Amino acid sequence: MNIEKGISRYSEGFDQEVRGDTITADRYTSKEWLEKEFANLWPKVWHLGAVTAELEEEGDIVRHNFANESVIMVKQADGSIRAFYNACPHRGNRLVLGDVAAVDRIVCSYHGWQFDPAGTLVEVQDADDFPGGNPCGKVHLTELRCETWGPFVFWCMDDDVPPLLEWLSPYPERLEGYGLENWVRVLNISADAEFNWKIIRDNFNESYHLPTIHPELATFINDGLPDTVFEMYDSGHNAMWMKGHQATTRQHFEAVPTPLDEIARQWDVDPDEYEGRPAEIREAIIEAKRRLGPGRGFTNYHQMSDQQLVDYFHCTMFPNLTLTMSPEQCQILRTEPHPTDPAKCVFQHWCLYPPVEGMETVVTPVGELPLRHDAEARHSVYGDGQSLGFVADQDLSIGTTQQQGLNSRGFKGCILTHQEKRIQRFHELLNDIVLGGPTEPQQHFGGMDKAK
């Protein structure tokens, strides 16, 4: 992978064939599709549940509600983290009702059954009244697989899914240089939204919308198609590299535009020196970061490639998790399904930042915040005036109207450009997993031969 050579579209060795299945409207609108996803898709993938900073001491608990399911991740005495279904084995009552907890014992509020952090029943009333004798030490919470990568905690419902690091491949290797292990989650926000979870996934599987939905990004991110690299992996995940600290080649700039000019000045690079050749400022910023970064507390810069120092690596993990990396920020963007309504979902947005000595605040998508864990943590309803981040707000702005349009008899299936091929593959993977096979092929796929 090397965007310095200006490789266009799909990187050699990281392309995938597509069949041309019709992307049907029912996958966004029908309860039948929603129920098949619950049965065939969601048990078969790893779910991001927490960050390790939330689970420091034995008995620390983080709850993750996913549609109709609820999972608790619990810190153990040996330092490991285990995950359990959030259901009492006695009569099914949910055990943990808050998002986080720190307890010596997990206690059911219904009949007082008590479990230790390892999920073993340790105390029960009327212990001698059970036909099989005292159940303490014999009854356990139902456990799920739980593994960590960097600062992230994942859980999985299926024993046959590959181990986490294998399932995430190639991201652990590709992102190693950023040194994510000790990054701090500053932003932890979410919202209920009025559209199917796949609408935003489609959005994150293409950059075709950047000039129309995010025009202001063009002044410091080069969204020009010949300068963008797309990759699709055997695992079903995909990625996109975009040149940062460089204005788009879709427009002509004689001078370094704002805010890139101010970004350059922050690294002691004079943007006026690049009059008539603004694209060259990217290389100057790379050199300045190499020279000045360690002295400013950015201890991770020496591990990064030149691309990582200035560019944006957009990692889309099948089926519903996106991780966008820049040198000083890691964004997590995810949509999760509503338990019963295919026209609703939950949108989640986390932002993590590297700890820098002497740095007390960071600029986040919702403004300047203290550099500390969950400085901004909230849940809202999209459209209530609470921002989910200025770029995320723009992405979500199209969700409701697209959901409405997908209900129209006039929509007969997507007509995609070549650069939107990642959308096509995403839905073909869904067809194979959720339906067990392809839908009827459409007549064309953006004018391309279907095998390309």
Protein backbone atom coordinates (compact mmCIF):
# COMPACT_ATOMS: atom_id res chain seq x y z
CA MET A 1 0.00 0.00 0.00
CA ASN A 2 1.53 3.30 -1.08
CA ILE A 3 -0.54 6.34 -1.90
CA GLU A 4 2.62 8.32 -2.65
CA LYS A 5 2.55 6.72 -6.11
CA GLY A 6 -0.98 7.98 -6.68
CA ILE A 7 -2.55 4.55 -7.04
CA SER A 8 -6.15 5.02 -8.07
CA ARG A 9 -9.07 3.28 -6.43
CA TYR A 10 -8.33 -0.34 -5.48
CA SER A 11 -4.87 -1.21 -4.26
CA GLU A 12 -3.18 -4.10 -6.06
CA GLY A 13 -3.58 -7.29 -4.07
CA PHE A 14 -6.48 -5.91 -2.01
CA ASP A 15 -9.39 -6.09 -4.44
CA GLN A 16 -12.29 -8.53 -4.31
CA GLU A 17 -14.67 -9.85 -6.91
CA VAL A 18 -18.36 -9.01 -6.69
CA ARG A 19 -21.35 -10.74 -8.23
CA GLY A 20 -23.64 -7.79 -8.82
CA ASP A 21 -26.44 -8.84 -6.45
CA THR A 22 -29.30 -6.36 -6.35
CA ILE A 23 -29.18 -4.33 -3.14
CA THR A 24 -32.83 -4.72 -2.23
CA ALA A 25 -34.87 -2.28 -0.19
CA ASP A 26 -36.29 -4.92 2.14
CA ARG A 27 -32.96 -5.30 3.94
CA TYR A 28 -33.48 -1.78 5.28
CA THR A 29 -37.23 -1.93 5.90
CA SER A 30 -38.49 -5.42 6.77
CA LYS A 31 -38.73 -7.10 10.17
CA GLU A 32 -38.00 -10.42 8.47
CA TRP A 33 -34.54 -9.18 7.49
CA LEU A 34 -34.00 -7.79 10.99
CA GLU A 35 -34.88 -11.14 12.57
CA LYS A 36 -32.62 -13.04 10.19
CA GLU A 37 -29.75 -10.71 11.09
CA PHE A 38 -30.29 -11.48 14.79
CA ALA A 39 -30.29 -15.20 14.03
CA ASN A 40 -27.49 -15.46 11.46
CA LEU A 41 -25.25 -12.37 11.61
CA TRP A 42 -24.82 -10.84 15.05
CA PRO A 43 -23.84 -14.05 16.89
CA LYS A 44 -21.07 -14.62 14.30
CA VAL A 45 -19.01 -11.45 14.81
CA TRP A 46 -16.91 -9.80 17.52
CA HIS A 47 -18.55 -6.82 19.23
CA LEU A 48 -16.67 -3.88 20.71
CA GLY A 49 -17.89 -3.62 24.28
CA ALA A 50 -15.65 -1.32 26.31
CA VAL A 51 -12.22 0.21 26.76
CA THR A 52 -9.76 -1.30 29.22
CA ALA A 53 -9.59 1.98 31.18
CA GLU A 54 -13.12 1.25 32.44
CA LEU A 55 -12.02 -2.07 33.92
CA GLU A 56 -9.05 -1.46 36.20
CA GLU A 57 -9.92 -3.17 39.52
CA GLU A 58 -11.42 -6.56 40.34
CA GLY A 59 -15.21 -6.24 40.24
CA ASP A 60 -15.28 -3.34 37.80
CA ILE A 61 -18.14 -3.94 35.35
CA VAL A 62 -19.17 -2.45 32.02
CA ARG A 63 -22.55 -3.33 30.55
CA HIS A 64 -23.16 -3.40 26.80
CA ASN A 65 -26.78 -3.60 25.70
CA PHE A 66 -27.03 -4.82 22.11
CA ALA A 67 -30.58 -4.95 20.70
CA ASN A 68 -32.39 -7.55 22.88
CA GLU A 69 -29.17 -8.86 24.39
CA SER A 70 -27.19 -7.54 27.34
CA VAL A 71 -23.59 -8.45 28.16
CA ILE A 72 -21.46 -7.53 31.17
CA MET A 73 -17.65 -7.42 31.08
CA VAL A 74 -16.05 -7.98 34.48
CA LYS A 75 -12.49 -7.41 35.69
CA GLN A 76 -10.98 -10.49 37.37
CA ALA A 77 -8.52 -10.87 40.25
CA ASP A 78 -5.80 -12.10 37.87
CA GLY A 79 -6.14 -8.97 35.70
CA SER A 80 -8.11 -10.62 32.92
CA ILE A 81 -11.56 -9.57 31.71
CA ARG A 82 -14.43 -12.01 31.34
CA ALA A 83 -17.84 -11.48 29.74
CA PHE A 84 -21.19 -12.91 30.83
CA TYR A 85 -24.76 -12.67 29.63
CA ASN A 86 -26.52 -10.17 31.87
CA ALA A 87 -29.17 -12.66 33.03
CA CYS A 88 -29.64 -14.41 36.35
CA PRO A 89 -29.71 -18.22 35.85
CA HIS A 90 -32.48 -18.47 38.47
CA ARG A 91 -35.36 -16.80 36.64
CA GLY A 92 -33.67 -14.67 33.97
CA ASN A 93 -33.76 -11.27 35.68
CA ARG A 94 -31.17 -8.79 34.43
CA LEU A 95 -28.42 -8.42 37.00
CA VAL A 96 -26.65 -5.16 36.16
CA LEU A 97 -28.96 -2.25 35.36
CA GLY A 98 -26.42 0.56 34.99
CA ASP A 99 -23.79 1.14 32.32
CA VAL A 100 -20.92 0.69 34.79
CA ALA A 101 -20.47 -0.72 38.28
CA ALA A 102 -17.75 -1.59 40.78
CA VAL A 103 -18.81 -4.38 43.13
CA ASP A 104 -17.46 -7.27 45.20
CA ARG A 105 -20.48 -9.33 44.25
CA ILE A 106 -23.01 -9.24 41.44
CA VAL A 107 -26.40 -9.32 43.15
CA CYS A 108 -29.75 -10.09 41.54
CA SER A 109 -32.31 -7.57 42.74
CA TYR A 110 -35.17 -10.08 42.48
CA HIS A 111 -34.27 -12.86 44.95
CA GLY A 112 -30.86 -11.76 46.14
CA TRP A 113 -28.72 -14.40 44.45
CA GLN A 114 -25.07 -13.33 44.66
CA PHE A 115 -22.26 -14.10 42.22
CA ASP A 116 -18.55 -13.40 42.52
CA PRO A 117 -16.70 -11.53 39.71
CA ALA A 118 -15.86 -14.89 38.13
CA GLY A 119 -19.58 -15.56 37.67
CA THR A 120 -19.93 -18.27 40.32
CA LEU A 121 -22.95 -18.33 42.62
CA VAL A 122 -21.67 -17.75 46.16
CA GLU A 123 -24.77 -16.95 48.22
CA VAL A 124 -28.46 -17.76 47.92
CA GLN A 125 -31.34 -17.62 50.34
CA ASP A 126 -32.86 -20.92 51.53
CA ALA A 127 -29.93 -22.87 50.15
CA ASP A 128 -31.23 -26.16 51.60
CA ASP A 129 -34.54 -25.88 49.70
CA PHE A 130 -33.15 -26.95 46.29
CA PRO A 131 -33.80 -30.55 45.14
CA GLY A 132 -30.18 -30.94 44.09
CA GLY A 133 -28.77 -29.48 47.26
CA ASN A 134 -27.05 -26.14 47.82
CA PRO A 135 -26.41 -24.61 44.35
CA CYS A 136 -23.57 -22.35 45.52
CA GLY A 137 -20.33 -23.15 43.74
CA LYS A 138 -22.23 -25.20 41.17
CA VAL A 139 -24.24 -22.55 39.31
CA HIS A 140 -22.47 -20.04 37.07
CA LEU A 141 -23.40 -17.11 34.88
CA THR A 142 -23.36 -18.02 31.20
CA GLU A 143 -20.02 -16.89 29.82
CA LEU A 144 -19.13 -15.46 26.40
CA ARG A 145 -15.75 -15.15 24.75
CA CYS A 146 -13.94 -11.96 25.70
CA GLU A 147 -10.63 -10.70 24.29
CA THR A 148 -8.75 -7.41 24.08
CA TRP A 149 -6.81 -5.53 21.44
CA GLY A 150 -5.00 -2.31 22.30
CA PRO A 151 -7.32 -0.29 24.59
CA PHE A 152 -10.44 -2.15 23.39
CA VAL A 153 -12.48 -4.98 24.91
CA PHE A 154 -14.49 -7.22 22.58
CA TRP A 155 -17.01 -10.02 23.18
CA CYS A 156 -18.43 -12.73 20.92
CA MET A 157 -21.40 -15.10 21.21
CA ASP A 158 -20.06 -17.89 18.97
CA ASP A 159 -17.24 -20.32 19.79
CA ASP A 160 -16.48 -20.97 16.11
CA VAL A 161 -15.59 -17.37 15.21
CA PRO A 162 -11.79 -16.95 14.80
CA PRO A 163 -9.82 -15.39 17.70
CA LEU A 164 -10.09 -11.61 17.90
CA LEU A 165 -6.68 -10.67 16.48
CA GLU A 166 -7.19 -13.08 13.58
CA TRP A 167 -10.71 -11.77 12.99
CA LEU A 168 -9.49 -8.15 13.00
CA SER A 169 -6.69 -8.81 10.51
CA PRO A 170 -4.95 -6.86 9.01
CA TYR A 171 -5.74 -3.94 11.34
CA PRO A 172 -3.68 -4.90 14.41
CA GLU A 173 -0.55 -4.96 12.24
CA ARG A 174 -1.48 -1.93 10.15
CA LEU A 175 -2.28 0.20 13.20
CA GLU A 176 0.57 -0.94 15.43
CA GLY A 177 2.65 2.19 14.77
CA TYR A 178 0.08 4.48 16.36
CA GLY A 179 0.67 2.97 19.81
CA LEU A 180 -3.03 2.87 20.68
CA GLU A 181 -2.59 0.86 23.89
CA ASN A 182 -2.64 3.85 26.25
CA TRP A 183 -4.83 6.27 24.30
CA VAL A 184 -7.59 7.96 26.29
CA ARG A 185 -11.27 7.84 25.34
CA VAL A 186 -12.32 11.47 25.78
CA LEU A 187 -15.59 11.38 23.80
CA ASN A 188 -18.24 8.70 24.43
CA ILE A 189 -21.57 9.74 22.91
CA SER A 190 -24.49 7.98 21.24
CA ALA A 191 -27.99 8.60 19.97
CA ASP A 192 -31.15 6.83 18.87
CA ALA A 193 -31.74 7.41 15.17
CA GLU A 194 -34.63 6.98 12.73
CA PHE A 195 -33.02 4.78 10.08
CA ASN A 196 -31.72 1.27 9.55
CA TRP A 197 -28.20 0.53 10.85
CA LYS A 198 -26.95 -0.34 7.34
CA ILE A 199 -27.61 3.13 5.93
CA ILE A 200 -24.66 4.60 7.81
CA ARG A 201 -22.59 1.50 7.05
CA ASP A 202 -23.13 2.16 3.34
CA ASN A 203 -22.10 5.76 3.93
CA PHE A 204 -18.83 4.69 5.59
CA ASN A 205 -18.17 2.21 2.78
CA GLU A 206 -17.70 5.01 0.26
CA SER A 207 -16.12 8.45 -0.07
CA TYR A 208 -18.32 9.51 -2.98
CA HIS A 209 -20.34 11.69 -0.60
CA LEU A 210 -17.45 13.78 0.71
CA PRO A 211 -17.67 16.63 -1.84
CA THR A 212 -21.44 17.01 -1.28
CA ILE A 213 -21.94 16.22 2.42
CA HIS A 214 -18.55 17.32 3.83
CA PRO A 215 -17.31 20.09 1.49
CA GLU A 216 -15.29 21.85 4.21
CA LEU A 217 -13.02 18.79 4.60
CA ALA A 218 -11.65 19.44 1.13
CA THR A 219 -9.44 22.23 2.47
CA PHE A 220 -7.25 19.81 4.47
CA ILE A 221 -8.11 16.28 3.25
CA ASN A 222 -7.45 15.33 -0.36
CA ASP A 223 -10.59 13.47 -1.42
CA GLY A 224 -9.55 13.40 -5.07
CA LEU A 225 -10.27 9.96 -6.50
CA PRO A 226 -6.83 9.34 -8.08
CA ASP A 227 -5.18 10.08 -4.72
CA THR A 228 -7.42 7.80 -2.64
CA VAL A 229 -6.63 4.13 -2.07
CA PHE A 230 -9.34 1.56 -1.35
CA GLU A 231 -8.62 -1.92 -0.02
CA MET A 232 -10.87 -4.95 0.48
CA TYR A 233 -9.67 -7.92 2.52
CA ASP A 234 -10.54 -11.62 2.51
CA SER A 235 -11.95 -11.19 6.03
CA GLY A 236 -14.77 -8.97 4.76
CA HIS A 237 -13.24 -5.82 6.25
CA ASN A 238 -12.08 -2.95 4.05
CA ALA A 239 -10.14 0.30 4.27
CA MET A 240 -9.55 3.66 2.65
CA TRP A 241 -6.41 5.83 2.77
CA MET A 242 -6.84 9.56 2.14
CA LYS A 243 -4.04 12.09 2.01
CA GLY A 244 -4.24 14.54 4.86
CA HIS A 245 -2.59 17.94 5.31
CA GLN A 246 -3.25 18.50 1.61
CA ALA A 247 -6.23 20.16 -0.08
CA THR A 248 -8.38 18.23 -2.53
CA THR A 249 -7.32 17.90 -6.15
CA ARG A 250 -11.00 18.22 -7.12
CA GLN A 251 -10.51 21.99 -6.85
CA HIS A 252 -7.73 24.42 -7.71
CA PHE A 253 -6.04 26.22 -4.84
CA GLU A 254 -3.39 28.84 -5.49
CA ALA A 255 -2.62 29.30 -1.79
CA VAL A 256 -2.77 27.01 1.23
CA PRO A 257 -6.43 27.16 2.34
CA THR A 258 -7.80 27.57 5.85
CA PRO A 259 -7.62 25.66 8.21
CA LEU A 260 -4.59 23.93 6.68
CA ASP A 261 -2.65 27.18 6.88
CA GLU A 262 -3.16 27.34 10.64
CA ILE A 263 -2.28 23.66 11.05
CA ALA A 264 0.99 24.38 9.24
CA ARG A 265 1.78 27.32 11.50
CA GLN A 266 1.25 25.10 14.55
CA TRP A 267 4.21 23.08 13.26
CA ASP A 268 6.30 26.19 12.48
CA VAL A 269 5.70 25.85 8.74
CA ASP A 270 4.99 29.14 6.95
CA PRO A 271 2.08 28.56 4.53
CA ASP A 272 2.92 31.75 2.60
CA GLU A 273 6.05 30.03 1.30
CA TYR A 274 3.85 27.57 -0.58
CA GLU A 275 1.98 30.13 -2.69
CA GLY A 276 1.34 28.53 -6.08
CA ARG A 277 2.29 25.06 -4.85
CA PRO A 278 0.06 24.36 -1.83
CA ALA A 279 0.14 20.57 -2.26
CA GLU A 280 3.82 20.53 -1.25
CA ILE A 281 3.06 21.67 2.30
CA ARG A 282 2.19 18.09 3.24
CA GLU A 283 5.83 17.03 2.96
CA ALA A 284 6.95 20.06 4.98
CA ILE A 285 4.55 19.14 7.80
CA ILE A 286 5.83 15.55 7.80
CA GLU A 287 9.38 16.85 8.25
CA ALA A 288 8.31 19.27 10.98
CA LYS A 289 6.45 16.58 12.90
CA ARG A 290 9.47 14.29 12.74
CA ARG A 291 11.70 17.07 14.05
CA LEU A 292 9.43 18.75 16.61
CA GLY A 293 6.95 16.05 17.68
CA PRO A 294 9.02 14.22 20.34
CA GLY A 295 9.91 17.50 22.06
CA ARG A 296 6.21 18.37 22.21
CA GLY A 297 5.34 15.12 23.95
CA PHE A 298 4.22 13.01 20.97
CA THR A 299 6.17 9.94 21.97
CA ASN A 300 4.42 7.76 19.38
CA TYR A 301 5.60 9.67 16.30
CA HIS A 302 8.81 7.69 15.91
CA GLN A 303 6.78 4.50 15.37
CA MET A 304 4.67 6.00 12.59
CA SER A 305 5.25 5.96 8.86
CA ASP A 306 5.15 9.24 6.96
CA GLN A 307 1.63 8.41 5.82
CA GLN A 308 0.49 7.82 9.38
CA LEU A 309 1.92 11.17 10.48
CA VAL A 310 -0.40 13.15 8.22
CA ASP A 311 -2.98 10.94 6.52
CA TYR A 312 -6.37 9.42 7.39
CA PHE A 313 -6.78 5.64 7.52
CA HIS A 314 -10.47 4.72 7.48
CA CYS A 315 -10.95 1.10 8.62
CA THR A 316 -14.38 -0.43 8.13
CA MET A 317 -14.77 -3.66 10.09
CA PHE A 318 -17.54 -5.97 8.95
CA PRO A 319 -20.32 -5.56 9.67
CA ASN A 320 -20.92 -2.40 11.74
CA LEU A 321 -17.73 -0.88 13.17
CA THR A 322 -15.59 1.88 11.68
CA LEU A 323 -12.27 3.05 13.08
CA THR A 324 -10.79 6.21 11.56
CA MET A 325 -7.14 6.90 12.40
CA SER A 326 -5.24 10.13 12.22
CA PRO A 327 -1.96 10.74 14.06
CA GLU A 328 -3.55 12.42 17.08
CA GLN A 329 -7.07 10.95 17.09
CA CYS A 330 -8.83 7.58 16.83
CA GLN A 331 -12.53 7.77 16.02
CA ILE A 332 -14.90 4.84 16.58
CA LEU A 333 -18.18 5.07 14.64
CA ARG A 334 -20.74 2.33 14.93
CA THR A 335 -24.42 1.64 14.26
CA GLU A 336 -26.29 -1.09 16.13
CA PRO A 337 -29.78 -2.41 15.29
CA HIS A 338 -32.96 -1.55 17.15
CA PRO A 339 -34.43 -4.60 18.93
CA THR A 340 -37.70 -4.60 16.96
CA ASP A 341 -37.83 -1.78 14.41
CA PRO A 342 -35.78 -2.07 11.18
CA ALA A 343 -36.21 1.68 10.60
CA LYS A 344 -34.29 2.59 13.77
CA CYS A 345 -30.79 2.12 15.14
CA VAL A 346 -28.31 3.37 17.74
CA PHE A 347 -25.38 5.46 16.52
CA GLN A 348 -22.24 5.52 18.69
CA HIS A 349 -19.22 7.82 18.48
CA TRP A 350 -16.04 7.45 20.55
CA CYS A 351 -12.86 9.50 20.19
CA LEU A 352 -9.52 8.51 21.72
CA TYR A 353 -6.39 10.63 22.02
CA PRO A 354 -2.75 9.88 22.90
CA PRO A 355 -1.67 11.03 26.36
CA VAL A 356 0.77 13.93 25.89
CA GLU A 357 2.68 15.28 28.86
CA GLY A 358 1.55 18.81 29.68
CA MET A 359 -1.49 18.65 27.39
CA GLU A 360 -4.65 19.36 29.37
CA THR A 361 -7.24 19.67 26.59
CA VAL A 362 -7.87 18.29 23.10
CA VAL A 363 -10.03 19.47 20.22
CA THR A 364 -12.79 16.94 19.62
CA PRO A 365 -15.62 16.80 17.06
CA VAL A 366 -17.88 18.48 19.65
CA GLY A 367 -15.37 21.11 20.76
CA GLU A 368 -12.47 21.42 23.17
CA LEU A 369 -12.56 18.97 26.09
CA PRO A 370 -10.26 17.96 28.96
CA LEU A 371 -7.83 15.17 28.10
CA ARG A 372 -9.34 12.65 30.51
CA HIS A 373 -11.45 9.52 30.31
CA ASP A 374 -15.02 10.18 29.11
CA ALA A 375 -14.82 13.94 29.53
CA GLU A 376 -18.00 14.01 27.43
CA ALA A 377 -20.31 10.99 27.86
CA ARG A 378 -24.00 11.12 26.95
CA HIS A 379 -26.85 9.47 25.08
CA SER A 380 -29.46 11.45 23.18
CA VAL A 381 -31.94 11.25 20.32
CA TYR A 382 -30.67 12.38 16.93
CA GLY A 383 -32.26 15.68 16.01
CA ASP A 384 -32.70 16.96 19.56
CA GLY A 385 -29.95 19.55 19.12
CA GLN A 386 -27.19 17.52 20.79
CA SER A 387 -24.23 17.26 18.40
CA LEU A 388 -22.68 13.89 17.66
CA GLY A 389 -19.69 15.62 16.06
CA PHE A 390 -19.80 18.09 13.21
CA VAL A 391 -18.88 15.52 10.54
CA ALA A 392 -21.06 12.80 12.08
CA ASP A 393 -24.00 15.22 12.16
CA GLN A 394 -23.58 15.69 8.42
CA ASP A 395 -23.46 11.93 7.83
CA LEU A 396 -26.57 11.32 9.91
CA SER A 397 -28.44 14.19 8.25
CA ILE A 398 -29.10 12.06 5.19
CA GLY A 399 -30.15 8.92 7.11
CA THR A 400 -33.82 9.64 7.72
CA THR A 401 -34.56 10.86 4.19
CA GLN A 402 -32.78 7.86 2.72
CA GLN A 403 -34.80 5.52 4.92
CA GLN A 404 -37.95 7.21 3.67
CA GLY A 405 -36.85 6.92 0.06
CA LEU A 406 -36.03 3.24 0.39
CA ASN A 407 -39.70 2.62 1.17
CA SER A 408 -40.65 3.94 -2.25
CA ARG A 409 -41.87 1.67 -5.04
CA GLY A 410 -39.62 3.77 -7.25
CA PHE A 411 -36.42 2.41 -5.68
CA LYS A 412 -35.41 -0.73 -7.56
CA GLY A 413 -31.86 -1.28 -6.32
CA CYS A 414 -28.64 0.72 -6.08
CA ILE A 415 -26.74 1.91 -9.16
CA LEU A 416 -23.16 2.19 -7.94
CA THR A 417 -19.95 3.78 -9.14
CA HIS A 418 -16.75 1.76 -9.22
CA GLN A 419 -15.51 3.61 -6.15
CA GLU A 420 -18.61 2.37 -4.26
CA LYS A 421 -17.69 -1.26 -4.84
CA ARG A 422 -17.15 -1.73 -1.10
CA ILE A 423 -20.91 -1.18 -0.65
CA GLN A 424 -21.62 -3.90 -3.18
CA ARG A 425 -19.36 -6.39 -1.44
CA PHE A 426 -20.76 -5.50 1.99
CA HIS A 427 -24.27 -6.41 0.86
CA GLU A 428 -23.16 -9.56 -0.91
CA LEU A 429 -21.49 -10.70 2.31
CA LEU A 430 -24.74 -9.95 4.11
CA ASN A 431 -26.68 -11.94 1.53
CA ASP A 432 -24.42 -14.94 2.07
CA ILE A 433 -24.57 -14.78 5.87
CA VAL A 434 -28.11 -13.55 6.49
CA LEU A 435 -29.93 -15.18 3.57
CA GLY A 436 -27.58 -18.04 2.78
CA GLY A 437 -26.91 -16.92 -0.78
CA PRO A 438 -27.14 -14.17 -3.42
CA THR A 439 -30.15 -12.16 -4.47
CA GLU A 440 -31.08 -11.85 -8.14
CA PRO A 441 -28.25 -10.00 -9.94
CA GLN A 442 -29.00 -6.56 -11.26
CA GLN A 443 -28.42 -5.73 -14.92
CA HIS A 444 -25.27 -3.76 -14.25
CA PHE A 445 -22.99 -2.62 -11.45
CA GLY A 446 -22.09 0.96 -12.23
CA GLY A 447 -21.30 -0.01 -15.83
CA MET A 448 -18.59 -2.47 -14.73
CA ASP A 449 -18.14 -6.08 -15.59
CA LYS A 450 -19.54 -7.89 -12.54
CA ALA A 451 -16.35 -9.90 -11.96
CA LYS A 452 -14.19 -6.81 -11.49
